[in-house]
Amino acid sequence: MSISKLPRARARVKRENAAAYVLPPTVSSGALLDKGSDRRLRTLVNDLFTVASRMEIIRAHLGRRMGLSGPQYSVLIAVAHLQGERGVRVGTVAQAMHVSSAFIASETGKMARLGLLLKRPNPQDRRGVLLTLAPAGRLKIVRLSAEIRAINDTFFGALDAESFVALCVAAQALVKGSGKAVQYVDMVESEPSSALSAAE
């Protein structure tokens, strides 16, 4: 390229760069758009990723304080909340935590071997078991209860009663919607690559 053409080339590049790239809408539902823009949704998604990441950091910390993994900590706390007087079924814990019964069976088996949980046959279903905290499991929770409260008070302290209730309702809706989204992704990924290529 000659020197005489350089100014014109630079001007063309400058004009092209001046046209800002506009991300195509990432959602089509009118309820999720603000004056046709999905900017608020994108902010929400980024915020949710941040909250989820920080929750995982905190869960891992509390697990380490008990000598457990983060997921094991969550399972132990779930059993404590759900066991009642007679104990809680594996499937009930799995449903509450939105995970598989196989995962709960595996993790509770490990914690039973550590002496933190007790497993006994379910008198109403001999094929199943009922889970309860062992004395050692209760002791671990009691020793950490003040720290758990301090973390939760800090984490959720910005919410008043009304916004807390609204968040609980919204979270339940997102759990349902996210489950359907995962099913959609699983369906797409299960399609043969040839079918995907033909559709493109």
Protein backbone atom coordinates (compact mmCIF):
# COMPACT_ATOMS: atom_id res chain seq x y z
CA MET A 1 0.00 0.00 0.00
CA SER A 2 1.31 3.42 -0.93
CA ILE A 3 1.79 6.14 1.65
CA SER A 4 -0.91 8.23 -0.06
CA LYS A 5 -3.52 5.55 0.68
CA LEU A 6 -2.71 5.24 4.40
CA PRO A 7 -4.90 8.15 5.61
CA ARG A 8 -7.91 6.79 3.72
CA ALA A 9 -7.37 3.28 5.12
CA ARG A 10 -7.08 4.64 8.64
CA ALA A 11 -10.26 6.65 8.17
CA ARG A 12 -12.13 3.55 7.00
CA VAL A 13 -10.95 1.53 10.03
CA LYS A 14 -11.94 4.39 12.31
CA ARG A 15 -15.46 4.47 10.83
CA GLU A 16 -15.80 0.70 11.22
CA ASN A 17 -14.66 0.83 14.85
CA ALA A 18 -17.05 3.69 15.56
CA ALA A 19 -20.05 1.41 14.92
CA ALA A 20 -20.39 -0.27 18.32
CA TYR A 21 -21.16 -3.99 18.30
CA VAL A 22 -24.67 -4.73 19.58
CA LEU A 23 -25.16 -8.13 21.20
CA PRO A 24 -28.25 -9.86 19.85
CA PRO A 25 -30.98 -10.21 22.50
CA THR A 26 -30.25 -13.15 24.81
CA VAL A 27 -33.91 -13.52 25.80
CA SER A 28 -37.26 -13.01 24.07
CA SER A 29 -39.73 -12.94 26.96
CA GLY A 30 -41.17 -9.47 27.38
CA ALA A 31 -41.17 -9.84 31.16
CA LEU A 32 -37.39 -10.14 31.09
CA LEU A 33 -36.80 -7.13 28.84
CA ASP A 34 -36.51 -3.52 29.95
CA LYS A 35 -37.62 -1.26 27.09
CA GLY A 36 -36.49 -3.95 24.66
CA SER A 37 -33.07 -4.35 26.30
CA ASP A 38 -31.81 -7.47 28.05
CA ARG A 39 -29.15 -5.51 29.95
CA ARG A 40 -30.90 -6.09 33.29
CA LEU A 41 -30.99 -9.84 32.65
CA ARG A 42 -27.28 -9.87 31.81
CA THR A 43 -26.57 -8.05 35.08
CA LEU A 44 -28.72 -10.57 36.96
CA VAL A 45 -26.89 -13.52 35.39
CA ASN A 46 -23.51 -12.04 36.33
CA ASP A 47 -24.76 -11.39 39.86
CA LEU A 48 -26.06 -14.96 40.19
CA PHE A 49 -22.73 -16.39 39.01
CA THR A 50 -20.98 -14.26 41.63
CA VAL A 51 -23.36 -15.30 44.40
CA ALA A 52 -23.10 -18.99 43.45
CA SER A 53 -19.30 -18.82 43.40
CA ARG A 54 -19.17 -17.12 46.79
CA MET A 55 -21.65 -19.60 48.27
CA GLU A 56 -19.41 -22.42 47.09
CA ILE A 57 -16.37 -20.77 48.71
CA ILE A 58 -18.24 -20.44 52.00
CA ARG A 59 -19.61 -23.99 51.85
CA ALA A 60 -16.13 -25.36 51.23
CA HIS A 61 -14.83 -23.35 54.20
CA LEU A 62 -17.53 -24.67 56.54
CA GLY A 63 -16.91 -28.18 55.26
CA ARG A 64 -13.19 -27.90 55.99
CA ARG A 65 -13.99 -26.67 59.50
CA MET A 66 -15.82 -29.98 60.02
CA GLY A 67 -13.23 -32.08 58.19
CA LEU A 68 -15.64 -32.63 55.30
CA SER A 69 -16.04 -31.60 51.69
CA GLY A 70 -18.41 -28.75 50.87
CA PRO A 71 -21.12 -31.07 49.50
CA GLN A 72 -20.81 -33.34 52.55
CA TYR A 73 -21.33 -30.32 54.79
CA SER A 74 -24.54 -29.51 52.89
CA VAL A 75 -25.77 -33.09 53.21
CA LEU A 76 -25.08 -33.16 56.94
CA ILE A 77 -26.97 -29.91 57.47
CA ALA A 78 -29.86 -31.15 55.30
CA VAL A 79 -30.17 -34.33 57.36
CA ALA A 80 -30.13 -32.24 60.55
CA HIS A 81 -33.00 -30.10 59.22
CA LEU A 82 -35.08 -32.96 57.87
CA GLN A 83 -34.56 -35.91 60.23
CA GLY A 84 -37.31 -35.06 62.71
CA GLU A 85 -37.89 -37.72 65.37
CA ARG A 86 -37.67 -40.82 63.20
CA GLY A 87 -35.06 -39.96 60.60
CA VAL A 88 -35.22 -38.96 56.95
CA ARG A 89 -35.20 -41.01 53.77
CA VAL A 90 -32.35 -40.72 51.27
CA GLY A 91 -34.82 -39.70 48.56
CA THR A 92 -36.23 -36.89 50.70
CA VAL A 93 -32.75 -35.42 51.23
CA ALA A 94 -31.99 -35.76 47.53
CA GLN A 95 -35.22 -33.97 46.59
CA ALA A 96 -34.56 -31.13 49.03
CA MET A 97 -31.02 -30.63 47.70
CA HIS A 98 -31.96 -31.12 44.01
CA VAL A 99 -29.41 -33.92 43.55
CA SER A 100 -29.64 -37.62 42.80
CA SER A 101 -30.47 -40.26 45.42
CA ALA A 102 -27.30 -42.10 44.35
CA PHE A 103 -25.21 -39.07 45.34
CA ILE A 104 -26.89 -38.82 48.75
CA ALA A 105 -26.52 -42.56 49.34
CA SER A 106 -22.82 -42.36 48.50
CA GLU A 107 -22.03 -39.32 50.64
CA THR A 108 -24.11 -40.44 53.63
CA GLY A 109 -22.39 -43.80 53.45
CA LYS A 110 -19.01 -42.08 53.78
CA MET A 111 -20.22 -39.96 56.70
CA ALA A 112 -21.74 -43.00 58.41
CA ARG A 113 -18.33 -44.66 58.26
CA LEU A 114 -16.88 -41.50 59.85
CA GLY A 115 -19.39 -41.85 62.68
CA LEU A 116 -21.27 -38.64 61.82
CA LEU A 117 -24.52 -40.20 60.61
CA LEU A 118 -26.60 -43.20 61.61
CA LYS A 119 -28.39 -45.36 59.06
CA ARG A 120 -31.15 -47.75 60.07
CA PRO A 121 -33.72 -49.74 58.10
CA ASN A 122 -36.92 -47.90 57.28
CA PRO A 123 -39.70 -49.83 59.09
CA GLN A 124 -42.14 -48.79 56.34
CA ASP A 125 -39.80 -49.81 53.51
CA ARG A 126 -37.18 -52.43 54.33
CA ARG A 127 -35.36 -51.68 51.07
CA GLY A 128 -34.65 -48.15 52.25
CA VAL A 129 -32.90 -46.54 55.20
CA LEU A 130 -33.56 -43.64 57.53
CA LEU A 131 -30.80 -41.14 58.24
CA THR A 132 -30.18 -39.34 61.53
CA LEU A 133 -27.26 -37.44 62.98
CA ALA A 134 -24.94 -39.43 65.18
CA PRO A 135 -23.76 -37.75 68.40
CA ALA A 136 -20.47 -36.86 66.68
CA GLY A 137 -22.35 -35.22 63.82
CA ARG A 138 -24.49 -33.17 66.22
CA LEU A 139 -21.36 -32.08 68.09
CA LYS A 140 -19.70 -30.85 64.90
CA ILE A 141 -22.73 -28.73 64.03
CA VAL A 142 -23.08 -27.34 67.56
CA ARG A 143 -19.42 -26.32 67.63
CA LEU A 144 -19.78 -24.48 64.32
CA SER A 145 -23.29 -23.07 64.81
CA ALA A 146 -22.14 -19.58 65.90
CA GLU A 147 -19.95 -19.23 62.80
CA ILE A 148 -22.74 -20.51 60.54
CA ARG A 149 -25.11 -17.91 61.96
CA ALA A 150 -22.55 -15.12 61.59
CA ILE A 151 -21.93 -16.01 57.94
CA ASN A 152 -25.63 -16.27 57.09
CA ASP A 153 -26.44 -13.01 58.90
CA THR A 154 -23.71 -11.30 56.86
CA PHE A 155 -24.55 -12.98 53.56
CA PHE A 156 -28.31 -12.34 53.69
CA GLY A 157 -28.32 -9.37 56.05
CA ALA A 158 -29.10 -6.82 53.33
CA LEU A 159 -32.55 -8.37 52.83
CA ASP A 160 -35.60 -7.19 54.74
CA ALA A 161 -38.53 -9.54 55.42
CA GLU A 162 -40.37 -8.62 52.22
CA SER A 163 -37.37 -8.98 49.91
CA PHE A 164 -36.40 -12.24 51.63
CA VAL A 165 -39.81 -13.76 50.90
CA ALA A 166 -39.65 -12.48 47.32
CA LEU A 167 -36.18 -14.00 46.90
CA CYS A 168 -37.39 -17.37 48.20
CA VAL A 169 -40.25 -17.39 45.70
CA ALA A 170 -37.97 -16.29 42.85
CA ALA A 171 -35.35 -18.92 43.74
CA GLN A 172 -37.95 -21.69 43.62
CA ALA A 173 -39.07 -20.49 40.20
CA LEU A 174 -35.44 -20.41 39.00
CA VAL A 175 -34.84 -23.94 40.27
CA LYS A 176 -37.78 -25.12 38.16
CA GLY A 177 -36.76 -23.09 35.11
CA SER A 178 -33.11 -24.07 35.35
CA GLY A 179 -34.10 -27.74 35.46
CA LYS A 180 -35.97 -27.34 32.18
CA ALA A 181 -33.00 -25.47 30.69
CA VAL A 182 -30.65 -28.31 31.65
CA GLN A 183 -33.05 -30.80 30.04
CA TYR A 184 -32.95 -28.70 26.87
CA VAL A 185 -29.13 -28.67 26.89
CA ASP A 186 -29.03 -32.44 27.48
CA MET A 187 -31.39 -32.96 24.53
CA VAL A 188 -29.28 -30.79 22.23
CA GLU A 189 -26.04 -32.48 23.26
CA SER A 190 -27.54 -35.93 22.77
CA GLU A 191 -28.34 -35.21 19.13
CA PRO A 192 -25.91 -36.74 16.60
CA SER A 193 -23.42 -34.23 15.24
CA SER A 194 -24.64 -34.96 11.71
CA ALA A 195 -28.13 -33.82 12.64
CA LEU A 196 -26.73 -30.63 14.11
CA SER A 197 -24.68 -29.96 10.97
CA ALA A 198 -27.72 -30.48 8.78
CA ALA A 199 -29.71 -28.00 10.83
CA GLU A 200 -27.04 -25.31 10.55
